[in-house]
N, C-alpha and C. Protein backbone atom coordinates (compact mmCIF):
# COMPACT_ATOMS: atom_id res chain seq x y z
N MET A 1 -84.93 -43.17 56.79
CA MET A 1 -84.59 -44.31 57.63
C MET A 1 -83.39 -45.07 57.06
N GLU A 2 -83.36 -45.19 55.74
CA GLU A 2 -82.23 -45.87 55.09
C GLU A 2 -80.92 -45.17 55.41
N GLN A 3 -80.94 -43.84 55.37
CA GLN A 3 -79.73 -43.08 55.66
C GLN A 3 -79.28 -43.27 57.10
N LEU A 4 -80.22 -43.33 58.02
CA LEU A 4 -79.90 -43.54 59.42
C LEU A 4 -79.20 -44.89 59.61
N ILE A 5 -79.75 -45.92 59.02
CA ILE A 5 -79.16 -47.26 59.14
C ILE A 5 -77.78 -47.29 58.50
N THR A 6 -77.63 -46.66 57.35
CA THR A 6 -76.35 -46.63 56.65
C THR A 6 -75.28 -45.91 57.47
N VAL A 7 -75.62 -44.78 58.05
CA VAL A 7 -74.66 -44.01 58.85
C VAL A 7 -74.22 -44.80 60.08
N ILE A 8 -75.17 -45.43 60.74
CA ILE A 8 -74.83 -46.24 61.92
C ILE A 8 -73.91 -47.39 61.53
N ALA A 9 -74.26 -48.10 60.46
CA ALA A 9 -73.47 -49.27 60.04
C ALA A 9 -72.07 -48.86 59.58
N LYS A 10 -71.95 -47.77 58.83
CA LYS A 10 -70.64 -47.35 58.36
C LYS A 10 -69.72 -46.95 59.51
N GLY A 11 -70.29 -46.53 60.61
CA GLY A 11 -69.50 -46.21 61.79
C GLY A 11 -68.97 -47.45 62.50
N LEU A 12 -69.53 -48.60 62.20
CA LEU A 12 -69.14 -49.84 62.87
C LEU A 12 -68.18 -50.72 62.08
N VAL A 13 -68.22 -50.62 60.75
CA VAL A 13 -67.52 -51.60 59.92
C VAL A 13 -66.18 -51.07 59.39
N GLU A 14 -65.36 -52.01 58.89
CA GLU A 14 -64.09 -51.67 58.24
C GLU A 14 -64.32 -51.36 56.76
N GLU A 15 -65.09 -52.21 56.07
CA GLU A 15 -65.36 -52.02 54.64
C GLU A 15 -66.63 -51.21 54.45
N LYS A 16 -66.47 -49.90 54.42
CA LYS A 16 -67.61 -49.00 54.34
C LYS A 16 -68.32 -49.07 53.00
N ASP A 17 -67.60 -49.44 51.94
CA ASP A 17 -68.20 -49.54 50.61
C ASP A 17 -69.15 -50.72 50.49
N ALA A 18 -69.01 -51.71 51.36
CA ALA A 18 -69.84 -52.91 51.29
C ALA A 18 -71.19 -52.73 51.99
N VAL A 19 -71.40 -51.60 52.66
CA VAL A 19 -72.65 -51.37 53.38
C VAL A 19 -73.74 -50.95 52.40
N SER A 20 -74.88 -51.66 52.47
CA SER A 20 -76.03 -51.27 51.67
C SER A 20 -77.30 -51.62 52.43
N VAL A 21 -78.36 -50.89 52.11
CA VAL A 21 -79.65 -51.11 52.75
C VAL A 21 -80.70 -51.27 51.66
N THR A 22 -81.49 -52.34 51.76
CA THR A 22 -82.61 -52.54 50.84
C THR A 22 -83.90 -52.50 51.66
N VAL A 23 -84.99 -52.18 50.98
CA VAL A 23 -86.27 -52.02 51.66
C VAL A 23 -87.30 -52.94 51.03
N ASP A 24 -88.04 -53.66 51.87
CA ASP A 24 -89.16 -54.48 51.41
C ASP A 24 -90.42 -53.62 51.40
N PRO A 25 -91.40 -54.01 50.60
CA PRO A 25 -92.68 -53.29 50.67
C PRO A 25 -93.31 -53.47 52.06
N PRO A 26 -94.13 -52.52 52.49
CA PRO A 26 -94.74 -52.62 53.82
C PRO A 26 -95.56 -53.90 53.99
N LEU A 27 -95.52 -54.46 55.19
CA LEU A 27 -96.31 -55.64 55.52
C LEU A 27 -97.77 -55.23 55.76
N GLU A 28 -98.62 -56.21 56.05
CA GLU A 28 -100.05 -55.92 56.26
C GLU A 28 -100.28 -54.94 57.41
N ASP A 29 -99.45 -55.04 58.45
CA ASP A 29 -99.63 -54.14 59.59
C ASP A 29 -98.92 -52.80 59.41
N GLY A 30 -98.32 -52.58 58.25
CA GLY A 30 -97.67 -51.30 57.96
C GLY A 30 -96.20 -51.25 58.30
N THR A 31 -95.64 -52.35 58.80
CA THR A 31 -94.22 -52.39 59.16
C THR A 31 -93.36 -52.45 57.90
N ILE A 32 -92.36 -51.60 57.85
CA ILE A 32 -91.40 -51.59 56.75
C ILE A 32 -90.15 -52.32 57.21
N VAL A 33 -89.72 -53.31 56.43
CA VAL A 33 -88.55 -54.12 56.80
C VAL A 33 -87.35 -53.63 55.99
N TYR A 34 -86.29 -53.25 56.71
CA TYR A 34 -85.04 -52.82 56.10
C TYR A 34 -84.02 -53.93 56.25
N HIS A 35 -83.31 -54.24 55.16
CA HIS A 35 -82.28 -55.28 55.18
C HIS A 35 -80.92 -54.60 55.08
N LEU A 36 -80.10 -54.79 56.09
CA LEU A 36 -78.75 -54.23 56.13
C LEU A 36 -77.77 -55.29 55.65
N HIS A 37 -77.01 -54.96 54.61
CA HIS A 37 -76.02 -55.87 54.05
C HIS A 37 -74.63 -55.30 54.33
N VAL A 38 -73.76 -56.13 54.92
CA VAL A 38 -72.38 -55.74 55.18
C VAL A 38 -71.46 -56.86 54.71
N ALA A 39 -70.17 -56.59 54.64
CA ALA A 39 -69.20 -57.61 54.25
C ALA A 39 -69.19 -58.72 55.31
N GLN A 40 -68.89 -59.92 54.88
CA GLN A 40 -68.92 -61.08 55.78
C GLN A 40 -68.00 -60.89 56.98
N GLU A 41 -66.82 -60.32 56.76
CA GLU A 41 -65.88 -60.14 57.87
C GLU A 41 -66.31 -59.04 58.86
N ASP A 42 -67.27 -58.20 58.46
CA ASP A 42 -67.78 -57.16 59.34
C ASP A 42 -69.07 -57.56 60.05
N MET A 43 -69.57 -58.74 59.77
CA MET A 43 -70.83 -59.18 60.35
C MET A 43 -70.77 -59.19 61.89
N GLY A 44 -69.67 -59.65 62.45
CA GLY A 44 -69.53 -59.69 63.90
C GLY A 44 -69.53 -58.32 64.53
N ARG A 45 -68.98 -57.34 63.83
CA ARG A 45 -68.94 -55.97 64.35
C ARG A 45 -70.36 -55.39 64.42
N VAL A 46 -71.18 -55.72 63.45
CA VAL A 46 -72.54 -55.17 63.40
C VAL A 46 -73.45 -55.89 64.38
N ILE A 47 -73.25 -57.18 64.57
CA ILE A 47 -74.10 -57.95 65.48
C ILE A 47 -73.66 -57.73 66.93
N GLY A 48 -72.37 -57.76 67.19
CA GLY A 48 -71.86 -57.54 68.54
C GLY A 48 -71.98 -58.77 69.41
N LYS A 49 -71.41 -58.68 70.60
CA LYS A 49 -71.47 -59.80 71.53
C LYS A 49 -72.91 -60.01 71.99
N GLN A 50 -73.36 -61.22 71.83
CA GLN A 50 -74.72 -61.63 72.20
C GLN A 50 -75.78 -60.76 71.52
N GLY A 51 -75.44 -60.16 70.38
CA GLY A 51 -76.41 -59.39 69.61
C GLY A 51 -76.74 -58.02 70.18
N ARG A 52 -75.89 -57.52 71.05
CA ARG A 52 -76.19 -56.24 71.71
C ARG A 52 -76.19 -55.06 70.75
N ILE A 53 -75.24 -55.01 69.83
CA ILE A 53 -75.19 -53.89 68.89
C ILE A 53 -76.37 -53.97 67.93
N ALA A 54 -76.67 -55.17 67.44
CA ALA A 54 -77.82 -55.34 66.55
C ALA A 54 -79.11 -54.91 67.24
N LYS A 55 -79.25 -55.26 68.50
CA LYS A 55 -80.44 -54.88 69.26
C LYS A 55 -80.51 -53.37 69.41
N ALA A 56 -79.37 -52.73 69.65
CA ALA A 56 -79.33 -51.27 69.80
C ALA A 56 -79.70 -50.58 68.49
N VAL A 57 -79.20 -51.09 67.37
CA VAL A 57 -79.53 -50.51 66.06
C VAL A 57 -81.03 -50.64 65.82
N ARG A 58 -81.58 -51.80 66.10
CA ARG A 58 -83.03 -52.00 65.91
C ARG A 58 -83.84 -51.06 66.80
N THR A 59 -83.38 -50.84 68.03
CA THR A 59 -84.09 -49.95 68.94
C THR A 59 -84.08 -48.51 68.45
N VAL A 60 -82.94 -48.05 67.96
CA VAL A 60 -82.83 -46.68 67.45
C VAL A 60 -83.72 -46.50 66.22
N VAL A 61 -83.70 -47.46 65.31
CA VAL A 61 -84.51 -47.37 64.09
C VAL A 61 -85.99 -47.42 64.45
N ARG A 62 -86.37 -48.29 65.37
CA ARG A 62 -87.77 -48.39 65.78
C ARG A 62 -88.23 -47.08 66.41
N ALA A 63 -87.38 -46.45 67.22
CA ALA A 63 -87.73 -45.17 67.86
C ALA A 63 -87.87 -44.07 66.83
N ALA A 64 -86.96 -44.03 65.86
CA ALA A 64 -87.04 -43.01 64.80
C ALA A 64 -88.29 -43.21 63.95
N ALA A 65 -88.63 -44.45 63.66
CA ALA A 65 -89.83 -44.73 62.88
C ALA A 65 -91.08 -44.36 63.67
N ASN A 66 -91.07 -44.64 64.95
CA ASN A 66 -92.21 -44.31 65.80
C ASN A 66 -92.42 -42.80 65.84
N LYS A 67 -91.34 -42.06 65.90
CA LYS A 67 -91.42 -40.60 65.89
C LYS A 67 -91.98 -40.09 64.57
N ALA A 68 -91.66 -40.82 63.47
CA ALA A 68 -92.16 -40.44 62.15
C ALA A 68 -93.58 -40.97 61.90
N GLY A 69 -94.10 -41.75 62.84
CA GLY A 69 -95.46 -42.25 62.70
C GLY A 69 -95.58 -43.54 61.91
N THR A 70 -94.48 -44.28 61.78
CA THR A 70 -94.49 -45.56 61.06
C THR A 70 -93.92 -46.66 61.95
N LYS A 71 -93.87 -47.86 61.40
CA LYS A 71 -93.25 -48.99 62.09
C LYS A 71 -92.11 -49.49 61.21
N ALA A 72 -90.99 -49.86 61.84
CA ALA A 72 -89.84 -50.33 61.08
C ALA A 72 -89.18 -51.49 61.79
N SER A 73 -88.53 -52.33 60.99
CA SER A 73 -87.80 -53.48 61.49
C SER A 73 -86.50 -53.58 60.69
N VAL A 74 -85.42 -54.02 61.34
CA VAL A 74 -84.13 -54.15 60.67
C VAL A 74 -83.69 -55.61 60.70
N GLU A 75 -83.36 -56.13 59.53
CA GLU A 75 -82.78 -57.47 59.41
C GLU A 75 -81.33 -57.29 58.94
N ILE A 76 -80.42 -58.03 59.55
CA ILE A 76 -79.00 -57.95 59.16
C ILE A 76 -78.65 -59.18 58.35
N ASP A 77 -78.28 -58.94 57.08
CA ASP A 77 -77.95 -60.04 56.16
C ASP A 77 -76.47 -60.05 55.88
């Protein structure tokens, strides 16, 4: 899942070296929270107008996690 988020984010940003993903331990309901970190100047590219790109990234990750039998959430920091 981390690789999926990283590949998507690197396709969107200018500073590809600044992209990193950290993982929190699973919550009580089994949801794994992934934190996507990008450079400050690339934040708008990852979020998109009215959050459309961020919503799309979250949807793709949630679908991939569902297919793997888990739950996932993406936070953009």
